[in-house]
Amino acid sequence: LRDKVKRLLRGPVHYKDYYGSQTAVGSVDYLAHEDLLKEGVLPEKFTRLIPLIEGERILEIGSAEGILAMALTATKSKVVSLDITPARQEGGKKLQQAWLRAGRAEVARCEFVCGDIFERFDLLKDADT
């Protein structure tokens, strides 16, 4: 089951070895919209999900660059973006800095955590969703 869940969580990627022998370059969504995302502009596929996700403390598992996680900070008090790939989390942190420069101060409420949910069950403790 663990391997099946890991395969489902990793989503579309551009690297050969899931555990890091080749650097990840970004998710398909991130690469397709990179210029707009850096300006803080969100594709509709992310904005339409925001009203459907309830709770004040959100944990997004398998978040890649954390695009949805950061978008959720507009309506939620705390969002944790969890991904197992260090390069994706670093990309998310850079994107977060770009959004802060673009005036989207709410994204500071998004915390990036690099890790495996199977080793970070502690993150579930305070999460509403």
N, C-alpha and C. Protein backbone atom coordinates (compact mmCIF):
# COMPACT_ATOMS: atom_id res chain seq x y z
N LEU A 1 0.82 -1.19 0.00
CA LEU A 1 0.00 0.00 0.00
C LEU A 1 0.86 1.26 0.00
N ARG A 2 1.93 1.24 0.79
CA ARG A 2 2.81 2.41 0.88
C ARG A 2 3.36 2.79 -0.49
N ASP A 3 3.83 1.81 -1.27
CA ASP A 3 4.37 2.09 -2.60
C ASP A 3 3.28 2.61 -3.54
N LYS A 4 2.08 2.06 -3.43
CA LYS A 4 0.97 2.52 -4.27
C LYS A 4 0.63 3.97 -3.96
N VAL A 5 0.55 4.33 -2.69
CA VAL A 5 0.25 5.70 -2.29
C VAL A 5 1.36 6.64 -2.77
N LYS A 6 2.60 6.22 -2.63
CA LYS A 6 3.72 7.06 -3.09
C LYS A 6 3.61 7.33 -4.58
N ARG A 7 3.26 6.31 -5.37
CA ARG A 7 3.12 6.50 -6.82
C ARG A 7 1.99 7.48 -7.12
N LEU A 8 0.89 7.39 -6.39
CA LEU A 8 -0.23 8.30 -6.61
C LEU A 8 0.11 9.72 -6.22
N LEU A 9 0.86 9.90 -5.13
CA LEU A 9 1.17 11.24 -4.64
C LEU A 9 2.17 11.98 -5.49
N ARG A 10 3.03 11.27 -6.17
CA ARG A 10 4.09 11.99 -6.86
C ARG A 10 3.62 12.71 -8.12
N GLY A 11 2.56 12.30 -8.74
CA GLY A 11 2.00 13.02 -9.87
C GLY A 11 2.94 13.11 -11.06
N PRO A 12 2.64 13.99 -12.03
CA PRO A 12 3.48 14.11 -13.21
C PRO A 12 4.79 14.81 -12.86
N VAL A 13 5.89 14.18 -13.22
CA VAL A 13 7.20 14.74 -12.91
C VAL A 13 8.12 14.61 -14.10
N HIS A 14 9.22 15.32 -14.05
CA HIS A 14 10.20 15.30 -15.12
C HIS A 14 11.54 14.84 -14.57
N TYR A 15 11.56 13.73 -13.93
CA TYR A 15 12.83 13.17 -13.48
C TYR A 15 12.71 11.67 -13.42
N LYS A 16 13.85 11.00 -13.54
CA LYS A 16 13.85 9.55 -13.67
C LYS A 16 13.75 8.84 -12.34
N ASP A 17 14.57 9.20 -11.41
CA ASP A 17 14.61 8.48 -10.14
C ASP A 17 13.87 9.26 -9.08
N TYR A 18 12.76 8.72 -8.60
CA TYR A 18 11.92 9.38 -7.62
C TYR A 18 12.66 9.80 -6.37
N TYR A 19 13.69 9.08 -6.01
CA TYR A 19 14.41 9.40 -4.78
C TYR A 19 15.66 10.24 -5.01
N GLY A 20 15.80 10.86 -6.14
CA GLY A 20 16.77 11.93 -6.25
C GLY A 20 18.06 11.73 -7.01
N SER A 21 18.23 10.69 -7.80
CA SER A 21 19.49 10.61 -8.54
C SER A 21 19.52 11.62 -9.68
N GLN A 22 18.36 12.13 -10.06
CA GLN A 22 18.28 13.20 -11.04
C GLN A 22 17.40 14.30 -10.46
N THR A 23 17.77 15.53 -10.66
CA THR A 23 17.05 16.66 -10.08
C THR A 23 15.71 16.87 -10.76
N ALA A 24 14.69 17.11 -9.96
CA ALA A 24 13.37 17.45 -10.49
C ALA A 24 13.40 18.86 -11.05
N VAL A 25 12.71 19.08 -12.15
CA VAL A 25 12.69 20.42 -12.73
C VAL A 25 11.36 21.12 -12.55
N GLY A 26 10.37 20.43 -12.04
CA GLY A 26 9.08 21.07 -11.79
C GLY A 26 7.93 20.25 -12.31
N SER A 27 6.79 20.48 -11.72
CA SER A 27 5.59 19.77 -12.16
C SER A 27 5.13 20.33 -13.49
N VAL A 28 4.29 19.58 -14.16
CA VAL A 28 3.75 20.02 -15.45
C VAL A 28 3.01 21.34 -15.28
N ASP A 29 2.19 21.46 -14.23
CA ASP A 29 1.44 22.70 -14.00
C ASP A 29 2.37 23.88 -13.78
N TYR A 30 3.40 23.67 -13.00
CA TYR A 30 4.33 24.75 -12.72
C TYR A 30 5.03 25.20 -14.00
N LEU A 31 5.53 24.25 -14.77
CA LEU A 31 6.25 24.59 -15.99
C LEU A 31 5.35 25.25 -17.03
N ALA A 32 4.10 24.81 -17.11
CA ALA A 32 3.17 25.37 -18.09
C ALA A 32 2.78 26.81 -17.79
N HIS A 33 2.83 27.20 -16.52
CA HIS A 33 2.36 28.53 -16.11
C HIS A 33 3.42 29.32 -15.36
N GLU A 34 4.68 28.95 -15.49
CA GLU A 34 5.75 29.51 -14.66
C GLU A 34 5.79 31.03 -14.66
N ASP A 35 5.71 31.66 -15.81
CA ASP A 35 5.82 33.13 -15.87
C ASP A 35 4.67 33.81 -15.12
N LEU A 36 3.45 33.34 -15.34
CA LEU A 36 2.30 33.92 -14.64
C LEU A 36 2.36 33.65 -13.14
N LEU A 37 2.76 32.43 -12.78
CA LEU A 37 2.84 32.08 -11.37
C LEU A 37 3.82 32.97 -10.62
N LYS A 38 4.92 33.29 -11.26
CA LYS A 38 5.93 34.15 -10.60
C LYS A 38 5.39 35.55 -10.35
N GLU A 39 4.36 35.95 -11.09
CA GLU A 39 3.73 37.25 -10.88
C GLU A 39 2.56 37.16 -9.90
N GLY A 40 2.29 35.96 -9.40
CA GLY A 40 1.19 35.78 -8.45
C GLY A 40 -0.15 35.52 -9.11
N VAL A 41 -0.16 35.25 -10.40
CA VAL A 41 -1.40 34.98 -11.13
C VAL A 41 -1.64 33.47 -11.14
N LEU A 42 -2.82 33.06 -10.71
CA LEU A 42 -3.15 31.64 -10.61
C LEU A 42 -4.02 31.17 -11.75
N PRO A 43 -3.71 30.01 -12.33
CA PRO A 43 -4.61 29.42 -13.32
C PRO A 43 -5.94 29.05 -12.65
N GLU A 44 -7.00 29.06 -13.42
CA GLU A 44 -8.35 28.78 -12.91
C GLU A 44 -8.44 27.42 -12.25
N LYS A 45 -7.65 26.45 -12.68
CA LYS A 45 -7.75 25.11 -12.09
C LYS A 45 -7.44 25.13 -10.60
N PHE A 46 -6.67 26.11 -10.14
CA PHE A 46 -6.37 26.23 -8.71
C PHE A 46 -7.43 27.07 -8.00
N THR A 47 -7.83 28.18 -8.60
CA THR A 47 -8.77 29.08 -7.93
C THR A 47 -10.14 28.43 -7.72
N ARG A 48 -10.56 27.55 -8.62
CA ARG A 48 -11.87 26.92 -8.46
C ARG A 48 -11.91 25.94 -7.29
N LEU A 49 -10.75 25.47 -6.84
CA LEU A 49 -10.70 24.52 -5.72
C LEU A 49 -10.80 25.20 -4.36
N ILE A 50 -10.40 26.45 -4.28
CA ILE A 50 -10.30 27.13 -2.99
C ILE A 50 -11.61 27.08 -2.19
N PRO A 51 -12.77 27.39 -2.77
CA PRO A 51 -14.00 27.36 -1.96
C PRO A 51 -14.40 25.95 -1.50
N LEU A 52 -13.85 24.93 -2.13
CA LEU A 52 -14.24 23.55 -1.82
C LEU A 52 -13.42 22.96 -0.67
N ILE A 53 -12.35 23.60 -0.29
CA ILE A 53 -11.47 23.07 0.75
C ILE A 53 -11.75 23.79 2.05
N GLU A 54 -12.30 23.04 3.00
CA GLU A 54 -12.71 23.63 4.27
C GLU A 54 -11.62 23.49 5.33
N GLY A 55 -11.75 24.30 6.37
CA GLY A 55 -10.83 24.23 7.49
C GLY A 55 -9.93 25.44 7.56
N GLU A 56 -9.40 25.68 8.72
CA GLU A 56 -8.49 26.80 8.91
C GLU A 56 -7.02 26.37 8.85
N ARG A 57 -6.76 25.11 9.14
CA ARG A 57 -5.39 24.58 9.10
C ARG A 57 -5.37 23.44 8.09
N ILE A 58 -4.71 23.67 6.98
CA ILE A 58 -4.74 22.75 5.84
C ILE A 58 -3.36 22.12 5.65
N LEU A 59 -3.34 20.83 5.37
CA LEU A 59 -2.12 20.11 5.00
C LEU A 59 -2.31 19.61 3.58
N GLU A 60 -1.47 20.08 2.66
CA GLU A 60 -1.52 19.58 1.29
C GLU A 60 -0.38 18.58 1.14
N ILE A 61 -0.74 17.33 0.90
CA ILE A 61 0.23 16.25 0.76
C ILE A 61 0.54 16.06 -0.71
N GLY A 62 1.83 15.99 -1.03
CA GLY A 62 2.24 15.85 -2.43
C GLY A 62 2.03 17.14 -3.18
N SER A 63 2.43 18.23 -2.57
CA SER A 63 2.09 19.57 -3.06
C SER A 63 2.97 20.10 -4.17
N ALA A 64 4.03 19.38 -4.53
CA ALA A 64 4.97 19.86 -5.55
C ALA A 64 5.50 21.24 -5.16
N GLU A 65 5.28 22.24 -5.99
CA GLU A 65 5.77 23.59 -5.67
C GLU A 65 4.84 24.36 -4.75
N GLY A 66 3.77 23.76 -4.29
CA GLY A 66 2.90 24.39 -3.32
C GLY A 66 1.98 25.46 -3.87
N ILE A 67 1.67 25.39 -5.15
CA ILE A 67 0.83 26.41 -5.77
C ILE A 67 -0.55 26.48 -5.10
N LEU A 68 -1.20 25.33 -4.97
CA LEU A 68 -2.51 25.32 -4.33
C LEU A 68 -2.39 25.70 -2.86
N ALA A 69 -1.37 25.21 -2.19
CA ALA A 69 -1.17 25.54 -0.77
C ALA A 69 -1.06 27.05 -0.58
N MET A 70 -0.28 27.71 -1.42
CA MET A 70 -0.14 29.16 -1.29
C MET A 70 -1.43 29.88 -1.66
N ALA A 71 -2.15 29.36 -2.65
CA ALA A 71 -3.43 29.96 -3.03
C ALA A 71 -4.42 29.89 -1.87
N LEU A 72 -4.37 28.80 -1.12
CA LEU A 72 -5.29 28.63 0.01
C LEU A 72 -5.04 29.62 1.14
N THR A 73 -3.87 30.21 1.19
CA THR A 73 -3.58 31.17 2.28
C THR A 73 -4.46 32.41 2.18
N ALA A 74 -5.10 32.63 1.05
CA ALA A 74 -6.00 33.77 0.91
C ALA A 74 -7.23 33.63 1.81
N THR A 75 -7.61 32.38 2.13
CA THR A 75 -8.81 32.16 2.94
C THR A 75 -8.58 31.33 4.20
N LYS A 76 -7.40 30.79 4.36
CA LYS A 76 -7.11 29.92 5.50
C LYS A 76 -6.03 30.57 6.37
N SER A 77 -6.03 30.20 7.64
CA SER A 77 -5.06 30.84 8.54
C SER A 77 -3.68 30.19 8.46
N LYS A 78 -3.60 28.91 8.15
CA LYS A 78 -2.32 28.22 8.11
C LYS A 78 -2.39 27.08 7.11
N VAL A 79 -1.39 26.99 6.24
CA VAL A 79 -1.33 25.92 5.25
C VAL A 79 0.08 25.34 5.27
N VAL A 80 0.16 24.01 5.29
CA VAL A 80 1.44 23.33 5.22
C VAL A 80 1.51 22.62 3.88
N SER A 81 2.59 22.86 3.15
CA SER A 81 2.83 22.25 1.85
C SER A 81 3.88 21.16 2.06
N LEU A 82 3.48 19.89 1.89
CA LEU A 82 4.37 18.76 2.11
C LEU A 82 4.66 18.06 0.80
N ASP A 83 5.93 17.92 0.48
CA ASP A 83 6.35 17.16 -0.68
C ASP A 83 7.64 16.45 -0.35
N ILE A 84 7.84 15.31 -0.95
CA ILE A 84 9.02 14.49 -0.67
C ILE A 84 10.25 14.94 -1.46
N THR A 85 10.05 15.77 -2.48
CA THR A 85 11.13 16.16 -3.38
C THR A 85 11.73 17.50 -2.98
N PRO A 86 12.98 17.52 -2.54
CA PRO A 86 13.61 18.78 -2.11
C PRO A 86 13.60 19.87 -3.18
N ALA A 87 13.84 19.50 -4.43
CA ALA A 87 13.88 20.51 -5.49
C ALA A 87 12.53 21.18 -5.68
N ARG A 88 11.46 20.42 -5.53
CA ARG A 88 10.11 20.99 -5.65
C ARG A 88 9.83 21.96 -4.50
N GLN A 89 10.21 21.58 -3.30
CA GLN A 89 9.99 22.45 -2.15
C GLN A 89 10.82 23.73 -2.28
N GLU A 90 12.04 23.61 -2.76
CA GLU A 90 12.87 24.81 -2.98
C GLU A 90 12.24 25.70 -4.04
N GLY A 91 11.68 25.08 -5.09
CA GLY A 91 10.98 25.85 -6.11
C GLY A 91 9.79 26.58 -5.52
N GLY A 92 9.09 25.92 -4.61
CA GLY A 92 7.94 26.54 -3.94
C GLY A 92 8.36 27.71 -3.08
N LYS A 93 9.47 27.57 -2.38
CA LYS A 93 9.96 28.67 -1.54
C LYS A 93 10.36 29.87 -2.39
N LYS A 94 10.96 29.62 -3.54
CA LYS A 94 11.31 30.72 -4.46
C LYS A 94 10.05 31.38 -5.00
N LEU A 95 9.06 30.57 -5.34
CA LEU A 95 7.79 31.11 -5.81
C LEU A 95 7.12 31.93 -4.72
N GLN A 96 7.18 31.46 -3.49
CA GLN A 96 6.62 32.19 -2.35
C GLN A 96 7.28 33.56 -2.23
N GLN A 97 8.59 33.62 -2.37
CA GLN A 97 9.29 34.91 -2.30
C GLN A 97 8.86 35.84 -3.43
N ALA A 98 8.65 35.28 -4.62
CA ALA A 98 8.19 36.09 -5.75
C ALA A 98 6.79 36.64 -5.46
N TRP A 99 5.92 35.83 -4.87
CA TRP A 99 4.57 36.28 -4.53
C TRP A 99 4.61 37.34 -3.44
N LEU A 100 5.49 37.19 -2.50
CA LEU A 100 5.62 38.22 -1.46
C LEU A 100 6.06 39.54 -2.09
N ARG A 101 6.99 39.49 -3.02
CA ARG A 101 7.44 40.72 -3.72
C ARG A 101 6.31 41.31 -4.55
N ALA A 102 5.40 40.46 -5.02
CA ALA A 102 4.26 40.93 -5.83
C ALA A 102 3.12 41.45 -4.96
N GLY A 103 3.33 41.49 -3.64
CA GLY A 103 2.32 42.06 -2.75
C GLY A 103 1.34 41.06 -2.17
N ARG A 104 1.59 39.80 -2.32
CA ARG A 104 0.68 38.77 -1.78
C ARG A 104 1.20 38.31 -0.41
N ALA A 105 1.05 39.18 0.58
CA ALA A 105 1.59 38.94 1.92
C ALA A 105 1.02 37.71 2.59
N GLU A 106 -0.20 37.31 2.21
CA GLU A 106 -0.83 36.16 2.86
C GLU A 106 -0.05 34.86 2.65
N VAL A 107 0.76 34.78 1.59
CA VAL A 107 1.48 33.53 1.34
C VAL A 107 2.55 33.25 2.39
N ALA A 108 2.84 34.21 3.23
CA ALA A 108 3.77 33.97 4.33
C ALA A 108 3.18 32.95 5.31
N ARG A 109 1.87 32.72 5.25
CA ARG A 109 1.22 31.72 6.12
C ARG A 109 1.35 30.30 5.59
N CYS A 110 2.07 30.12 4.51
CA CYS A 110 2.31 28.79 3.96
C CYS A 110 3.69 28.31 4.41
N GLU A 111 3.71 27.16 5.06
CA GLU A 111 4.97 26.56 5.52
C GLU A 111 5.32 25.40 4.60
N PHE A 112 6.55 25.38 4.11
CA PHE A 112 7.01 24.30 3.25
C PHE A 112 7.76 23.27 4.08
N VAL A 113 7.36 22.01 3.93
CA VAL A 113 8.00 20.91 4.64
C VAL A 113 8.39 19.86 3.61
N CYS A 114 9.65 19.50 3.61
CA CYS A 114 10.12 18.44 2.72
C CYS A 114 10.13 17.15 3.52
N GLY A 115 9.38 16.17 3.05
CA GLY A 115 9.35 14.90 3.75
C GLY A 115 8.29 13.97 3.21
N ASP A 116 8.23 12.82 3.81
CA ASP A 116 7.32 11.76 3.45
C ASP A 116 6.21 11.71 4.49
N ILE A 117 4.95 11.72 4.06
CA ILE A 117 3.84 11.71 5.02
C ILE A 117 3.92 10.51 5.93
N PHE A 118 4.47 9.40 5.44
CA PHE A 118 4.59 8.20 6.27
C PHE A 118 5.57 8.39 7.42
N GLU A 119 6.40 9.41 7.31
CA GLU A 119 7.35 9.72 8.39
C GLU A 119 6.98 11.01 9.11
N ARG A 120 5.92 11.69 8.66
CA ARG A 120 5.52 12.97 9.24
C ARG A 120 4.05 12.99 9.63
N PHE A 121 3.59 11.92 10.27
CA PHE A 121 2.21 11.87 10.74
C PHE A 121 1.91 12.99 11.73
N ASP A 122 2.96 13.55 12.34
CA ASP A 122 2.76 14.66 13.28
C ASP A 122 2.09 15.86 12.61
N LEU A 123 2.26 16.00 11.32
CA LEU A 123 1.65 17.12 10.60
C LEU A 123 0.13 17.00 10.54
N LEU A 124 -0.38 15.79 10.67
CA LEU A 124 -1.83 15.57 10.62
C LEU A 124 -2.52 16.02 11.90
N LYS A 125 -1.78 16.08 12.98
CA LYS A 125 -2.35 16.35 14.30
C LYS A 125 -3.21 17.62 14.36
N ASP A 126 -2.71 18.70 13.82
CA ASP A 126 -3.42 19.98 13.92
C ASP A 126 -4.16 20.36 12.63
N ALA A 127 -4.14 19.48 11.64
CA ALA A 127 -4.77 19.82 10.36
C ALA A 127 -6.27 19.57 10.40
N ASP A 128 -7.04 20.51 9.85
CA ASP A 128 -8.48 20.34 9.69
C ASP A 128 -8.78 19.53 8.43
N THR A 129 -8.00 19.78 7.40
CA THR A 129 -8.21 19.14 6.09
C THR A 129 -6.87 18.74 5.53
